[in-house]
N, C-alpha and C. Protein backbone atom coordinates (compact mmCIF):
# COMPACT_ATOMS: atom_id res chain seq x y z
N MET A 1 -17.27 -7.10 47.18
CA MET A 1 -18.11 -7.60 46.08
C MET A 1 -18.48 -6.47 45.12
N GLY A 2 -18.73 -5.27 45.72
CA GLY A 2 -19.08 -4.13 44.90
C GLY A 2 -17.95 -3.71 44.00
N GLU A 3 -16.70 -3.80 44.50
CA GLU A 3 -15.53 -3.43 43.69
C GLU A 3 -15.36 -4.40 42.52
N PHE A 4 -15.57 -5.68 42.79
CA PHE A 4 -15.46 -6.69 41.74
C PHE A 4 -16.49 -6.43 40.64
N SER A 5 -17.70 -6.06 41.07
CA SER A 5 -18.77 -5.80 40.11
C SER A 5 -18.43 -4.59 39.24
N GLU A 6 -17.84 -3.58 39.86
CA GLU A 6 -17.46 -2.39 39.09
C GLU A 6 -16.36 -2.72 38.08
N ILE A 7 -15.37 -3.52 38.53
CA ILE A 7 -14.28 -3.91 37.62
C ILE A 7 -14.83 -4.74 36.46
N TRP A 8 -15.76 -5.64 36.79
CA TRP A 8 -16.36 -6.48 35.75
C TRP A 8 -17.13 -5.65 34.73
N ASP A 9 -17.90 -4.68 35.22
CA ASP A 9 -18.66 -3.81 34.33
C ASP A 9 -17.72 -2.97 33.45
N MET A 10 -16.59 -2.55 34.02
CA MET A 10 -15.62 -1.77 33.25
C MET A 10 -15.00 -2.61 32.14
N LEU A 11 -14.67 -3.87 32.48
CA LEU A 11 -14.08 -4.77 31.48
C LEU A 11 -15.09 -5.08 30.37
N ARG A 12 -16.34 -5.27 30.75
CA ARG A 12 -17.38 -5.53 29.75
C ARG A 12 -17.57 -4.33 28.82
N GLY A 13 -17.53 -3.15 29.41
CA GLY A 13 -17.65 -1.94 28.60
C GLY A 13 -16.48 -1.77 27.66
N PHE A 14 -15.28 -2.13 28.16
CA PHE A 14 -14.07 -2.03 27.34
C PHE A 14 -14.13 -3.01 26.18
N ALA A 15 -14.55 -4.26 26.49
CA ALA A 15 -14.62 -5.29 25.44
C ALA A 15 -15.73 -5.02 24.44
N ALA A 16 -16.76 -4.26 24.87
CA ALA A 16 -17.89 -3.99 23.98
C ALA A 16 -17.62 -2.88 22.99
N SER A 17 -16.54 -2.12 23.19
CA SER A 17 -16.24 -1.02 22.28
C SER A 17 -15.87 -1.56 20.91
N SER A 18 -16.34 -0.88 19.88
CA SER A 18 -16.12 -1.35 18.51
C SER A 18 -14.63 -1.35 18.14
N GLU A 19 -13.87 -0.40 18.67
CA GLU A 19 -12.44 -0.33 18.33
C GLU A 19 -11.70 -1.53 18.89
N VAL A 20 -12.01 -1.90 20.15
CA VAL A 20 -11.37 -3.07 20.76
C VAL A 20 -11.74 -4.33 19.99
N GLN A 21 -13.00 -4.48 19.62
CA GLN A 21 -13.43 -5.65 18.87
C GLN A 21 -12.77 -5.71 17.49
N PHE A 22 -12.60 -4.53 16.87
CA PHE A 22 -11.98 -4.47 15.54
C PHE A 22 -10.54 -4.98 15.60
N TRP A 23 -9.74 -4.38 16.48
CA TRP A 23 -8.33 -4.79 16.57
C TRP A 23 -8.20 -6.19 17.15
N GLY A 24 -9.11 -6.54 18.05
CA GLY A 24 -9.08 -7.89 18.60
C GLY A 24 -9.31 -8.95 17.53
N THR A 25 -10.19 -8.62 16.58
CA THR A 25 -10.46 -9.55 15.47
C THR A 25 -9.22 -9.76 14.62
N TRP A 26 -8.52 -8.65 14.28
CA TRP A 26 -7.30 -8.76 13.48
C TRP A 26 -6.22 -9.55 14.22
N ILE A 27 -6.07 -9.29 15.51
CA ILE A 27 -5.07 -10.01 16.31
C ILE A 27 -5.42 -11.49 16.37
N ALA A 28 -6.71 -11.79 16.53
CA ALA A 28 -7.15 -13.19 16.58
C ALA A 28 -6.85 -13.90 15.27
N LEU A 29 -7.10 -13.23 14.15
CA LEU A 29 -6.82 -13.84 12.84
C LEU A 29 -5.33 -14.09 12.66
N GLY A 30 -4.51 -13.11 13.09
CA GLY A 30 -3.06 -13.31 13.03
C GLY A 30 -2.62 -14.48 13.88
N GLY A 31 -3.23 -14.64 15.06
CA GLY A 31 -2.90 -15.77 15.92
C GLY A 31 -3.29 -17.10 15.30
N VAL A 32 -4.45 -17.11 14.64
CA VAL A 32 -4.91 -18.35 13.98
C VAL A 32 -3.94 -18.76 12.88
N ILE A 33 -3.47 -17.78 12.10
CA ILE A 33 -2.52 -18.09 11.03
C ILE A 33 -1.22 -18.62 11.61
N ALA A 34 -0.72 -17.98 12.67
CA ALA A 34 0.53 -18.42 13.30
C ALA A 34 0.40 -19.84 13.83
N VAL A 35 -0.71 -20.15 14.48
CA VAL A 35 -0.92 -21.49 15.03
C VAL A 35 -1.05 -22.52 13.91
N SER A 36 -1.77 -22.18 12.85
CA SER A 36 -1.97 -23.13 11.75
C SER A 36 -0.65 -23.44 11.05
N VAL A 37 0.18 -22.41 10.85
CA VAL A 37 1.48 -22.65 10.23
C VAL A 37 2.34 -23.52 11.13
N LYS A 38 2.30 -23.26 12.43
CA LYS A 38 3.08 -24.07 13.37
C LYS A 38 2.62 -25.52 13.37
N LEU A 39 1.32 -25.75 13.25
CA LEU A 39 0.80 -27.11 13.21
C LEU A 39 1.18 -27.83 11.93
N GLY A 40 1.29 -27.08 10.84
CA GLY A 40 1.62 -27.70 9.56
C GLY A 40 3.10 -27.95 9.34
N LEU A 41 3.96 -27.21 10.06
CA LEU A 41 5.40 -27.33 9.84
C LEU A 41 5.96 -28.73 10.09
N PRO A 42 5.53 -29.46 11.15
CA PRO A 42 6.06 -30.82 11.32
C PRO A 42 5.79 -31.72 10.12
N HIS A 43 4.59 -31.64 9.55
CA HIS A 43 4.28 -32.44 8.36
C HIS A 43 5.10 -31.97 7.16
N TYR A 44 5.32 -30.66 7.08
CA TYR A 44 6.13 -30.11 5.99
C TYR A 44 7.57 -30.61 6.08
N ARG A 45 8.12 -30.59 7.31
CA ARG A 45 9.49 -31.09 7.50
C ARG A 45 9.57 -32.58 7.22
N GLU A 46 8.54 -33.32 7.62
CA GLU A 46 8.52 -34.76 7.37
C GLU A 46 8.54 -35.04 5.87
N ALA A 47 7.73 -34.30 5.11
CA ALA A 47 7.71 -34.47 3.65
C ALA A 47 9.05 -34.10 3.04
N SER A 48 9.66 -33.02 3.54
CA SER A 48 10.96 -32.58 3.02
C SER A 48 12.04 -33.61 3.27
N GLU A 49 12.09 -34.14 4.49
CA GLU A 49 13.10 -35.15 4.83
C GLU A 49 12.93 -36.41 4.01
N GLU A 50 11.66 -36.81 3.81
CA GLU A 50 11.39 -38.01 3.01
C GLU A 50 11.84 -37.81 1.57
N LEU A 51 11.56 -36.65 1.01
CA LEU A 51 11.95 -36.37 -0.37
C LEU A 51 13.47 -36.29 -0.50
N GLN A 52 14.14 -35.76 0.50
CA GLN A 52 15.61 -35.70 0.45
C GLN A 52 16.21 -37.09 0.45
N LYS A 53 15.65 -37.98 1.27
CA LYS A 53 16.15 -39.36 1.32
C LYS A 53 15.92 -40.07 -0.02
N VAL A 54 14.71 -39.91 -0.56
CA VAL A 54 14.39 -40.57 -1.83
C VAL A 54 15.25 -40.01 -2.95
N GLY A 55 15.60 -38.74 -2.88
CA GLY A 55 16.37 -38.11 -3.96
C GLY A 55 17.85 -38.42 -3.96
N GLU A 56 18.35 -39.11 -2.91
CA GLU A 56 19.77 -39.46 -2.87
C GLU A 56 20.09 -40.50 -3.94
N ILE A 57 21.06 -40.18 -4.77
CA ILE A 57 21.48 -41.11 -5.83
C ILE A 57 22.54 -42.04 -5.25
N ARG A 58 22.25 -43.33 -5.25
CA ARG A 58 23.14 -44.32 -4.64
C ARG A 58 23.89 -45.10 -5.72
N ASP A 59 25.05 -45.59 -5.34
CA ASP A 59 25.82 -46.43 -6.25
C ASP A 59 25.08 -47.76 -6.44
N PRO A 60 25.12 -48.33 -7.65
CA PRO A 60 24.40 -49.58 -7.89
C PRO A 60 24.96 -50.72 -7.04
N ASP A 61 24.07 -51.51 -6.51
CA ASP A 61 24.46 -52.66 -5.69
C ASP A 61 24.52 -53.89 -6.58
N GLY A 62 25.72 -54.31 -6.92
CA GLY A 62 25.89 -55.45 -7.82
C GLY A 62 25.42 -56.76 -7.24
N ARG A 63 25.20 -56.78 -5.91
CA ARG A 63 24.76 -58.04 -5.30
C ARG A 63 23.29 -58.32 -5.58
N ILE A 64 22.54 -57.31 -5.97
CA ILE A 64 21.12 -57.52 -6.24
C ILE A 64 20.99 -58.08 -7.66
N LYS A 65 20.79 -59.39 -7.75
CA LYS A 65 20.73 -60.05 -9.06
C LYS A 65 19.31 -60.43 -9.46
N LEU A 66 18.49 -60.80 -8.46
CA LEU A 66 17.15 -61.29 -8.76
C LEU A 66 16.22 -60.14 -9.09
N TRP A 67 15.41 -60.31 -10.15
CA TRP A 67 14.47 -59.26 -10.56
C TRP A 67 13.41 -58.96 -9.51
N PRO A 68 12.87 -59.97 -8.81
CA PRO A 68 11.89 -59.64 -7.75
C PRO A 68 12.48 -58.72 -6.68
N THR A 69 13.77 -58.92 -6.38
CA THR A 69 14.42 -58.06 -5.38
C THR A 69 14.59 -56.65 -5.92
N LYS A 70 14.95 -56.53 -7.20
CA LYS A 70 15.10 -55.21 -7.82
C LYS A 70 13.77 -54.47 -7.84
N ILE A 71 12.70 -55.19 -8.23
CA ILE A 71 11.39 -54.56 -8.28
C ILE A 71 10.94 -54.13 -6.89
N LYS A 72 11.24 -54.97 -5.89
CA LYS A 72 10.88 -54.63 -4.52
C LYS A 72 11.60 -53.36 -4.07
N ARG A 73 12.88 -53.23 -4.45
CA ARG A 73 13.65 -52.04 -4.10
C ARG A 73 13.06 -50.78 -4.77
N MET A 74 12.66 -50.91 -6.05
CA MET A 74 12.07 -49.77 -6.76
C MET A 74 10.71 -49.39 -6.16
N LYS A 75 9.92 -50.41 -5.80
CA LYS A 75 8.62 -50.13 -5.18
C LYS A 75 8.80 -49.39 -3.86
N LYS A 76 9.86 -49.71 -3.15
CA LYS A 76 10.14 -49.05 -1.88
C LYS A 76 10.34 -47.55 -2.07
N SER A 77 11.02 -47.19 -3.16
CA SER A 77 11.24 -45.77 -3.45
C SER A 77 9.93 -45.06 -3.76
N PHE A 78 9.07 -45.70 -4.54
CA PHE A 78 7.79 -45.08 -4.89
C PHE A 78 6.86 -45.01 -3.68
N THR A 79 6.97 -46.00 -2.79
CA THR A 79 6.19 -45.95 -1.55
C THR A 79 6.61 -44.76 -0.70
N ALA A 80 7.91 -44.50 -0.67
CA ALA A 80 8.42 -43.34 0.08
C ALA A 80 7.90 -42.04 -0.53
N LEU A 81 7.80 -42.00 -1.86
CA LEU A 81 7.22 -40.82 -2.51
C LEU A 81 5.76 -40.64 -2.09
N GLY A 82 5.05 -41.74 -1.97
CA GLY A 82 3.66 -41.67 -1.53
C GLY A 82 3.54 -41.14 -0.11
N ARG A 83 4.44 -41.57 0.76
CA ARG A 83 4.42 -41.08 2.14
C ARG A 83 4.70 -39.58 2.19
N SER A 84 5.64 -39.14 1.37
CA SER A 84 5.96 -37.71 1.35
C SER A 84 4.78 -36.89 0.81
N ALA A 85 4.05 -37.46 -0.17
CA ALA A 85 2.88 -36.76 -0.70
C ALA A 85 1.80 -36.65 0.38
N ARG A 86 1.64 -37.68 1.18
CA ARG A 86 0.66 -37.63 2.27
C ARG A 86 1.04 -36.56 3.28
N SER A 87 2.31 -36.50 3.65
CA SER A 87 2.75 -35.49 4.61
C SER A 87 2.60 -34.09 4.03
N ALA A 88 2.87 -33.95 2.73
CA ALA A 88 2.73 -32.64 2.08
C ALA A 88 1.27 -32.19 2.09
N PHE A 89 0.35 -33.14 1.89
CA PHE A 89 -1.07 -32.79 1.92
C PHE A 89 -1.51 -32.39 3.32
N LEU A 90 -1.02 -33.12 4.34
CA LEU A 90 -1.35 -32.78 5.72
C LEU A 90 -0.81 -31.41 6.10
N ALA A 91 0.30 -31.01 5.48
CA ALA A 91 0.85 -29.68 5.72
C ALA A 91 0.09 -28.62 4.94
N LEU A 92 -0.45 -29.01 3.79
CA LEU A 92 -1.18 -28.06 2.93
C LEU A 92 -2.42 -27.49 3.62
N ILE A 93 -3.12 -28.33 4.36
CA ILE A 93 -4.39 -27.91 4.97
C ILE A 93 -4.19 -26.74 5.94
N PRO A 94 -3.28 -26.87 6.93
CA PRO A 94 -3.13 -25.74 7.86
C PRO A 94 -2.31 -24.59 7.28
N ILE A 95 -1.26 -24.88 6.51
CA ILE A 95 -0.35 -23.82 6.05
C ILE A 95 -0.98 -22.97 4.95
N VAL A 96 -1.71 -23.59 4.04
CA VAL A 96 -2.32 -22.86 2.93
C VAL A 96 -3.83 -22.72 3.10
N GLY A 97 -4.49 -23.80 3.55
CA GLY A 97 -5.94 -23.80 3.64
C GLY A 97 -6.49 -22.78 4.63
N VAL A 98 -5.87 -22.69 5.81
CA VAL A 98 -6.36 -21.74 6.82
C VAL A 98 -6.17 -20.29 6.37
N PRO A 99 -4.98 -19.88 5.88
CA PRO A 99 -4.86 -18.51 5.36
C PRO A 99 -5.83 -18.21 4.22
N LEU A 100 -6.11 -19.20 3.37
CA LEU A 100 -7.08 -19.00 2.29
C LEU A 100 -8.47 -18.75 2.87
N ALA A 101 -8.85 -19.54 3.89
CA ALA A 101 -10.15 -19.35 4.53
C ALA A 101 -10.26 -17.97 5.17
N ILE A 102 -9.16 -17.49 5.76
CA ILE A 102 -9.17 -16.16 6.37
C ILE A 102 -9.27 -15.08 5.29
N LEU A 103 -8.59 -15.30 4.17
CA LEU A 103 -8.70 -14.35 3.05
C LEU A 103 -10.15 -14.25 2.57
N VAL A 104 -10.81 -15.40 2.46
CA VAL A 104 -12.23 -15.41 2.06
C VAL A 104 -13.07 -14.65 3.08
N LEU A 105 -12.82 -14.91 4.36
CA LEU A 105 -13.59 -14.26 5.42
C LEU A 105 -13.42 -12.74 5.39
N VAL A 106 -12.16 -12.30 5.27
CA VAL A 106 -11.89 -10.86 5.27
C VAL A 106 -12.50 -10.19 4.04
N THR A 107 -12.45 -10.86 2.90
CA THR A 107 -13.02 -10.29 1.67
C THR A 107 -14.53 -10.19 1.75
N VAL A 108 -15.16 -11.26 2.20
CA VAL A 108 -16.62 -11.27 2.29
C VAL A 108 -17.12 -10.28 3.33
N MET A 109 -16.39 -10.17 4.45
CA MET A 109 -16.79 -9.25 5.54
C MET A 109 -15.94 -7.99 5.52
N SER A 110 -15.69 -7.48 4.33
CA SER A 110 -14.80 -6.31 4.19
C SER A 110 -15.36 -5.07 4.89
N ASP A 111 -16.68 -4.97 5.02
CA ASP A 111 -17.26 -3.81 5.70
C ASP A 111 -16.76 -3.72 7.14
N TRP A 112 -16.62 -4.86 7.79
CA TRP A 112 -16.15 -4.88 9.18
C TRP A 112 -14.64 -4.64 9.25
N PHE A 113 -13.90 -5.33 8.40
CA PHE A 113 -12.44 -5.28 8.50
C PHE A 113 -11.84 -4.01 7.92
N PHE A 114 -12.52 -3.38 6.98
CA PHE A 114 -11.95 -2.19 6.32
C PHE A 114 -12.87 -0.98 6.41
N GLY A 115 -13.77 -1.01 7.37
CA GLY A 115 -14.62 0.15 7.60
C GLY A 115 -15.46 0.57 6.41
N GLY A 116 -15.92 -0.40 5.63
CA GLY A 116 -16.77 -0.08 4.49
C GLY A 116 -16.03 0.19 3.20
N GLN A 117 -14.69 0.19 3.25
CA GLN A 117 -13.92 0.40 2.02
C GLN A 117 -14.04 -0.83 1.11
N GLN A 118 -14.13 -0.60 -0.18
CA GLN A 118 -14.26 -1.68 -1.14
C GLN A 118 -12.91 -2.38 -1.29
N VAL A 119 -12.92 -3.72 -1.36
CA VAL A 119 -11.68 -4.48 -1.49
C VAL A 119 -11.53 -5.13 -2.86
N VAL A 120 -12.67 -5.41 -3.53
CA VAL A 120 -12.62 -5.99 -4.87
C VAL A 120 -13.58 -5.24 -5.78
N THR A 121 -13.24 -5.24 -7.06
CA THR A 121 -14.11 -4.60 -8.04
C THR A 121 -15.26 -5.54 -8.38
N THR A 122 -16.46 -5.01 -8.45
CA THR A 122 -17.62 -5.84 -8.75
C THR A 122 -18.09 -5.69 -10.20
N GLY A 123 -17.73 -4.57 -10.84
CA GLY A 123 -18.16 -4.35 -12.21
C GLY A 123 -19.68 -4.31 -12.30
N PRO A 124 -20.24 -4.91 -13.35
CA PRO A 124 -21.71 -4.90 -13.50
C PRO A 124 -22.41 -5.91 -12.60
N LEU A 125 -21.63 -6.75 -11.91
CA LEU A 125 -22.24 -7.80 -11.08
C LEU A 125 -22.85 -7.19 -9.82
N GLN A 126 -23.98 -7.71 -9.44
CA GLN A 126 -24.68 -7.25 -8.25
C GLN A 126 -24.21 -8.09 -7.06
N PRO A 127 -23.59 -7.48 -6.04
CA PRO A 127 -23.15 -8.23 -4.87
C PRO A 127 -24.30 -9.02 -4.25
N GLY A 128 -24.04 -10.29 -3.97
CA GLY A 128 -25.06 -11.16 -3.39
C GLY A 128 -25.75 -12.04 -4.41
N SER A 129 -25.64 -11.69 -5.69
CA SER A 129 -26.26 -12.52 -6.73
C SER A 129 -25.47 -13.80 -6.92
N SER A 130 -26.13 -14.81 -7.51
CA SER A 130 -25.47 -16.10 -7.72
C SER A 130 -24.27 -15.97 -8.66
N GLN A 131 -24.38 -15.11 -9.67
CA GLN A 131 -23.27 -14.91 -10.60
C GLN A 131 -22.09 -14.25 -9.89
N TYR A 132 -22.39 -13.31 -9.00
CA TYR A 132 -21.34 -12.64 -8.24
C TYR A 132 -20.62 -13.63 -7.32
N VAL A 133 -21.38 -14.50 -6.66
CA VAL A 133 -20.78 -15.51 -5.78
C VAL A 133 -19.88 -16.45 -6.58
N ALA A 134 -20.34 -16.83 -7.78
CA ALA A 134 -19.53 -17.71 -8.63
C ALA A 134 -18.25 -17.02 -9.06
N GLU A 135 -18.34 -15.75 -9.46
CA GLU A 135 -17.15 -15.01 -9.88
C GLU A 135 -16.21 -14.77 -8.70
N LEU A 136 -16.78 -14.54 -7.52
CA LEU A 136 -15.94 -14.33 -6.35
C LEU A 136 -15.19 -15.61 -5.98
N SER A 137 -15.83 -16.75 -6.17
CA SER A 137 -15.17 -18.04 -5.94
C SER A 137 -13.99 -18.20 -6.90
N LEU A 138 -14.20 -17.81 -8.16
CA LEU A 138 -13.10 -17.86 -9.13
C LEU A 138 -11.98 -16.90 -8.75
N TYR A 139 -12.35 -15.79 -8.14
CA TYR A 139 -11.35 -14.81 -7.70
C TYR A 139 -10.41 -15.43 -6.66
N PHE A 140 -10.97 -16.16 -5.71
CA PHE A 140 -10.14 -16.81 -4.69
C PHE A 140 -9.29 -17.93 -5.32
N ALA A 141 -9.87 -18.67 -6.26
CA ALA A 141 -9.10 -19.69 -6.97
C ALA A 141 -7.97 -19.05 -7.76
N ASP A 142 -8.23 -17.87 -8.31
CA ASP A 142 -7.23 -17.13 -9.07
C ASP A 142 -6.06 -16.72 -8.17
N GLN A 143 -6.37 -16.22 -6.97
CA GLN A 143 -5.33 -15.82 -6.03
C GLN A 143 -4.48 -17.02 -5.60
N LEU A 144 -5.14 -18.15 -5.36
CA LEU A 144 -4.42 -19.36 -4.97
C LEU A 144 -3.53 -19.84 -6.11
N SER A 145 -4.05 -19.80 -7.33
CA SER A 145 -3.29 -20.26 -8.50
C SER A 145 -2.06 -19.39 -8.74
N ARG A 146 -2.20 -18.09 -8.51
CA ARG A 146 -1.06 -17.19 -8.71
C ARG A 146 0.05 -17.48 -7.72
N GLY A 147 -0.31 -17.98 -6.54
CA GLY A 147 0.70 -18.38 -5.58
C GLY A 147 1.33 -19.71 -5.93
N ILE A 148 0.50 -20.67 -6.37
CA ILE A 148 1.01 -22.02 -6.67
C ILE A 148 1.89 -22.02 -7.92
N PHE A 149 1.45 -21.32 -8.95
CA PHE A 149 2.18 -21.34 -10.23
C PHE A 149 3.11 -20.14 -10.39
N PHE A 150 3.56 -19.59 -9.23
CA PHE A 150 4.53 -18.50 -9.22
C PHE A 150 4.02 -17.31 -10.05
N ASP A 151 4.80 -16.83 -10.99
CA ASP A 151 4.42 -15.64 -11.76
C ASP A 151 3.88 -15.99 -13.15
N ALA A 152 3.56 -17.25 -13.37
CA ALA A 152 3.09 -17.67 -14.70
C ALA A 152 1.82 -16.92 -15.09
N PHE A 153 0.89 -16.77 -14.15
CA PHE A 153 -0.36 -16.07 -14.46
C PHE A 153 -0.10 -14.61 -14.81
N GLU A 154 0.89 -14.00 -14.12
CA GLU A 154 1.21 -12.60 -14.39
C GLU A 154 1.88 -12.46 -15.76
N VAL A 155 2.83 -13.35 -16.04
CA VAL A 155 3.60 -13.26 -17.29
C VAL A 155 2.70 -13.46 -18.50
N PHE A 156 1.82 -14.47 -18.43
CA PHE A 156 0.96 -14.79 -19.57
C PHE A 156 -0.40 -14.11 -19.49
N ASP A 157 -0.55 -13.21 -18.52
CA ASP A 157 -1.77 -12.42 -18.37
C ASP A 157 -3.01 -13.32 -18.32
N ILE A 158 -2.95 -14.34 -17.45
CA ILE A 158 -4.06 -15.25 -17.27
C ILE A 158 -4.88 -14.79 -16.07
N GLN A 159 -6.18 -14.66 -16.24
CA GLN A 159 -7.06 -14.24 -15.16
C GLN A 159 -8.35 -15.04 -15.24
N LEU A 160 -8.71 -15.69 -14.13
CA LEU A 160 -9.88 -16.56 -14.12
C LEU A 160 -11.19 -15.80 -14.04
N THR A 161 -11.15 -14.55 -13.61
CA THR A 161 -12.36 -13.76 -13.45
C THR A 161 -12.06 -12.29 -13.65
N ASP A 162 -13.11 -11.52 -13.92
CA ASP A 162 -12.94 -10.07 -14.09
C ASP A 162 -12.84 -9.35 -12.75
N ILE A 163 -13.20 -10.04 -11.67
CA ILE A 163 -13.09 -9.43 -10.33
C ILE A 163 -11.61 -9.33 -9.96
N SER A 164 -11.21 -8.18 -9.47
CA SER A 164 -9.82 -7.98 -9.06
C SER A 164 -9.79 -7.13 -7.79
N ALA A 165 -8.62 -7.11 -7.15
CA ALA A 165 -8.47 -6.33 -5.92
C ALA A 165 -8.44 -4.84 -6.25
N VAL A 166 -9.02 -4.05 -5.36
CA VAL A 166 -9.01 -2.59 -5.52
C VAL A 166 -7.62 -2.07 -5.15
N ARG A 167 -6.96 -1.42 -6.11
CA ARG A 167 -5.58 -0.98 -5.90
C ARG A 167 -5.45 0.11 -4.84
N GLU A 168 -6.52 0.82 -4.59
CA GLU A 168 -6.46 1.91 -3.62
C GLU A 168 -6.50 1.41 -2.18
N ASN A 169 -6.87 0.16 -1.99
CA ASN A 169 -6.94 -0.40 -0.63
C ASN A 169 -5.61 -1.09 -0.30
N GLY A 170 -4.67 -0.29 0.19
CA GLY A 170 -3.33 -0.80 0.47
C GLY A 170 -3.28 -1.95 1.46
N PRO A 171 -3.98 -1.87 2.63
CA PRO A 171 -3.93 -2.97 3.60
C PRO A 171 -4.39 -4.31 3.01
N TYR A 172 -5.43 -4.26 2.17
CA TYR A 172 -5.91 -5.50 1.57
C TYR A 172 -4.89 -6.06 0.58
N LEU A 173 -4.23 -5.17 -0.16
CA LEU A 173 -3.20 -5.62 -1.09
C LEU A 173 -2.04 -6.27 -0.34
N TRP A 174 -1.66 -5.72 0.80
CA TRP A 174 -0.59 -6.32 1.60
C TRP A 174 -1.02 -7.68 2.13
N MET A 175 -2.30 -7.82 2.43
CA MET A 175 -2.80 -9.11 2.87
C MET A 175 -2.72 -10.14 1.75
N LEU A 176 -3.08 -9.73 0.54
CA LEU A 176 -2.94 -10.62 -0.61
C LEU A 176 -1.49 -11.01 -0.83
N PHE A 177 -0.60 -10.04 -0.70
CA PHE A 177 0.83 -10.30 -0.86
C PHE A 177 1.32 -11.32 0.17
N GLY A 178 0.90 -11.14 1.43
CA GLY A 178 1.29 -12.09 2.47
C GLY A 178 0.78 -13.48 2.20
N PHE A 179 -0.45 -13.58 1.69
CA PHE A 179 -1.01 -14.89 1.36
C PHE A 179 -0.21 -15.58 0.27
N ARG A 180 0.14 -14.81 -0.76
CA ARG A 180 0.92 -15.41 -1.86
C ARG A 180 2.31 -15.81 -1.39
N VAL A 181 2.92 -15.06 -0.49
CA VAL A 181 4.23 -15.41 0.04
C VAL A 181 4.16 -16.75 0.76
N ILE A 182 3.11 -16.94 1.58
CA ILE A 182 2.94 -18.21 2.28
C ILE A 182 2.82 -19.37 1.30
N VAL A 183 2.00 -19.18 0.27
CA VAL A 183 1.81 -20.24 -0.73
C VAL A 183 3.11 -20.50 -1.49
N ASP A 184 3.82 -19.43 -1.86
CA ASP A 184 5.08 -19.57 -2.59
C ASP A 184 6.11 -20.36 -1.78
N LEU A 185 6.24 -20.02 -0.49
CA LEU A 185 7.21 -20.70 0.37
C LEU A 185 6.87 -22.18 0.50
N TYR A 186 5.59 -22.48 0.57
CA TYR A 186 5.17 -23.88 0.66
C TYR A 186 5.51 -24.62 -0.63
N VAL A 187 5.18 -24.01 -1.76
CA VAL A 187 5.33 -24.69 -3.04
C VAL A 187 6.78 -24.80 -3.48
N VAL A 188 7.54 -23.70 -3.35
CA VAL A 188 8.92 -23.68 -3.86
C VAL A 188 9.76 -24.79 -3.24
N GLY A 189 9.69 -24.91 -1.91
CA GLY A 189 10.51 -25.93 -1.23
C GLY A 189 10.15 -27.33 -1.66
N LEU A 190 8.84 -27.64 -1.67
CA LEU A 190 8.43 -29.00 -1.99
C LEU A 190 8.61 -29.35 -3.46
N VAL A 191 8.35 -28.39 -4.35
CA VAL A 191 8.53 -28.67 -5.78
C VAL A 191 10.00 -28.93 -6.10
N THR A 192 10.88 -28.14 -5.52
CA THR A 192 12.32 -28.34 -5.74
C THR A 192 12.75 -29.72 -5.28
N LEU A 193 12.32 -30.10 -4.07
CA LEU A 193 12.68 -31.42 -3.53
C LEU A 193 12.02 -32.53 -4.32
N LEU A 194 10.79 -32.31 -4.80
CA LEU A 194 10.09 -33.34 -5.56
C LEU A 194 10.80 -33.62 -6.87
N VAL A 195 11.26 -32.59 -7.55
CA VAL A 195 11.99 -32.78 -8.81
C VAL A 195 13.26 -33.58 -8.56
N ARG A 196 13.99 -33.23 -7.49
CA ARG A 196 15.21 -33.97 -7.15
C ARG A 196 14.89 -35.41 -6.79
N ALA A 197 13.78 -35.62 -6.07
CA ALA A 197 13.40 -36.98 -5.67
C ALA A 197 13.05 -37.83 -6.87
N LEU A 198 12.26 -37.27 -7.80
CA LEU A 198 11.89 -38.03 -9.00
C LEU A 198 13.12 -38.36 -9.84
N TRP A 199 14.05 -37.40 -9.91
CA TRP A 199 15.30 -37.65 -10.63
C TRP A 199 16.09 -38.77 -9.95
N GLY A 200 16.18 -38.73 -8.62
CA GLY A 200 16.90 -39.76 -7.88
C GLY A 200 16.27 -41.13 -8.04
N VAL A 201 14.94 -41.19 -7.98
CA VAL A 201 14.25 -42.48 -8.16
C VAL A 201 14.49 -43.02 -9.56
N ALA A 202 14.45 -42.16 -10.56
CA ALA A 202 14.67 -42.59 -11.95
C ALA A 202 16.09 -43.14 -12.14
N ILE A 203 17.09 -42.40 -11.64
CA ILE A 203 18.47 -42.83 -11.80
C ILE A 203 18.73 -44.13 -11.05
N ASN A 204 18.26 -44.22 -9.79
CA ASN A 204 18.48 -45.43 -9.01
C ASN A 204 17.78 -46.64 -9.63
N SER A 205 16.60 -46.42 -10.21
CA SER A 205 15.89 -47.52 -10.86
C SER A 205 16.65 -48.01 -12.10
N LEU A 206 17.18 -47.04 -12.88
CA LEU A 206 17.98 -47.43 -14.05
C LEU A 206 19.24 -48.18 -13.65
N ARG A 207 19.85 -47.78 -12.55
CA ARG A 207 21.06 -48.45 -12.10
C ARG A 207 20.74 -49.87 -11.58
N LEU A 208 19.54 -50.04 -11.02
CA LEU A 208 19.14 -51.39 -10.59
C LEU A 208 18.91 -52.29 -11.79
N VAL A 209 18.30 -51.70 -12.83
CA VAL A 209 18.03 -52.48 -14.05
C VAL A 209 19.34 -52.85 -14.75
N ASN A 210 20.26 -51.87 -14.84
CA ASN A 210 21.54 -52.08 -15.50
C ASN A 210 22.66 -51.53 -14.62
N PRO A 211 23.15 -52.33 -13.65
CA PRO A 211 24.13 -51.83 -12.67
C PRO A 211 25.51 -51.57 -13.25
N PHE A 212 25.77 -51.95 -14.47
CA PHE A 212 27.13 -51.78 -15.01
C PHE A 212 27.14 -50.78 -16.15
C-alpha cells in the first residue's frame, strides 16, 4: 500500500508541473481537432457524393411527356441539393467550427499558450474593454473570411479590423495558417462540386422542358 501511495504521489507531482500541463494542453487541443475533423468527414463525404450525383448530366428522357412528371423530376433534383446542403452544414460545425473555437481560445489565453508573448496587435485599444472585445470578434471573423473567400481579402486588401497577428510570433502564425488550410480544404471541394451540381440541374431541367 505504501508503494502505491508513493507512485500516486509521484504521478500527481509529475502532472502538477507547469511544463507537463503546458504540453498536455497543446496535445489535447490537437486531439480535439483530429477527432472533430474525423466526426465531420462522413457528413462531408455524404454532401460530396450527393452533389456528384446531382451534377451528372443525363440524356433527355423522351418518354416524360406530362408536365407534372417533369416538374416532379426537377423538384427531386432541388431536394437532393437541399440534402447536400444539410450534410455540408453538419460537416461545417466540427471541421471548421471546432478549430475556430480553439483559435479563439488560444488567442484569448495567449499568456498560457505562448508564455506571455503577444499574439495580436492591440493598438490604442485597451485589452478587456468592450471596444477591444468587439474588434477581437471582428478579427476572428476576418480570419474565417480569409479562409472561406480564398485570397480575395488579400488581393483587394480587405480587412475587417485593425487588429492583426503579431508577425514575430511564428508558432501563432503557423496556427493561423493551419486554420486557413482546414477552411480552404472544406470550401474548395464543396464549392467546386456545388457549381457542377447547379450546372447539371440547370441543363437537366432545360432538357426536360425541351427534350429535342
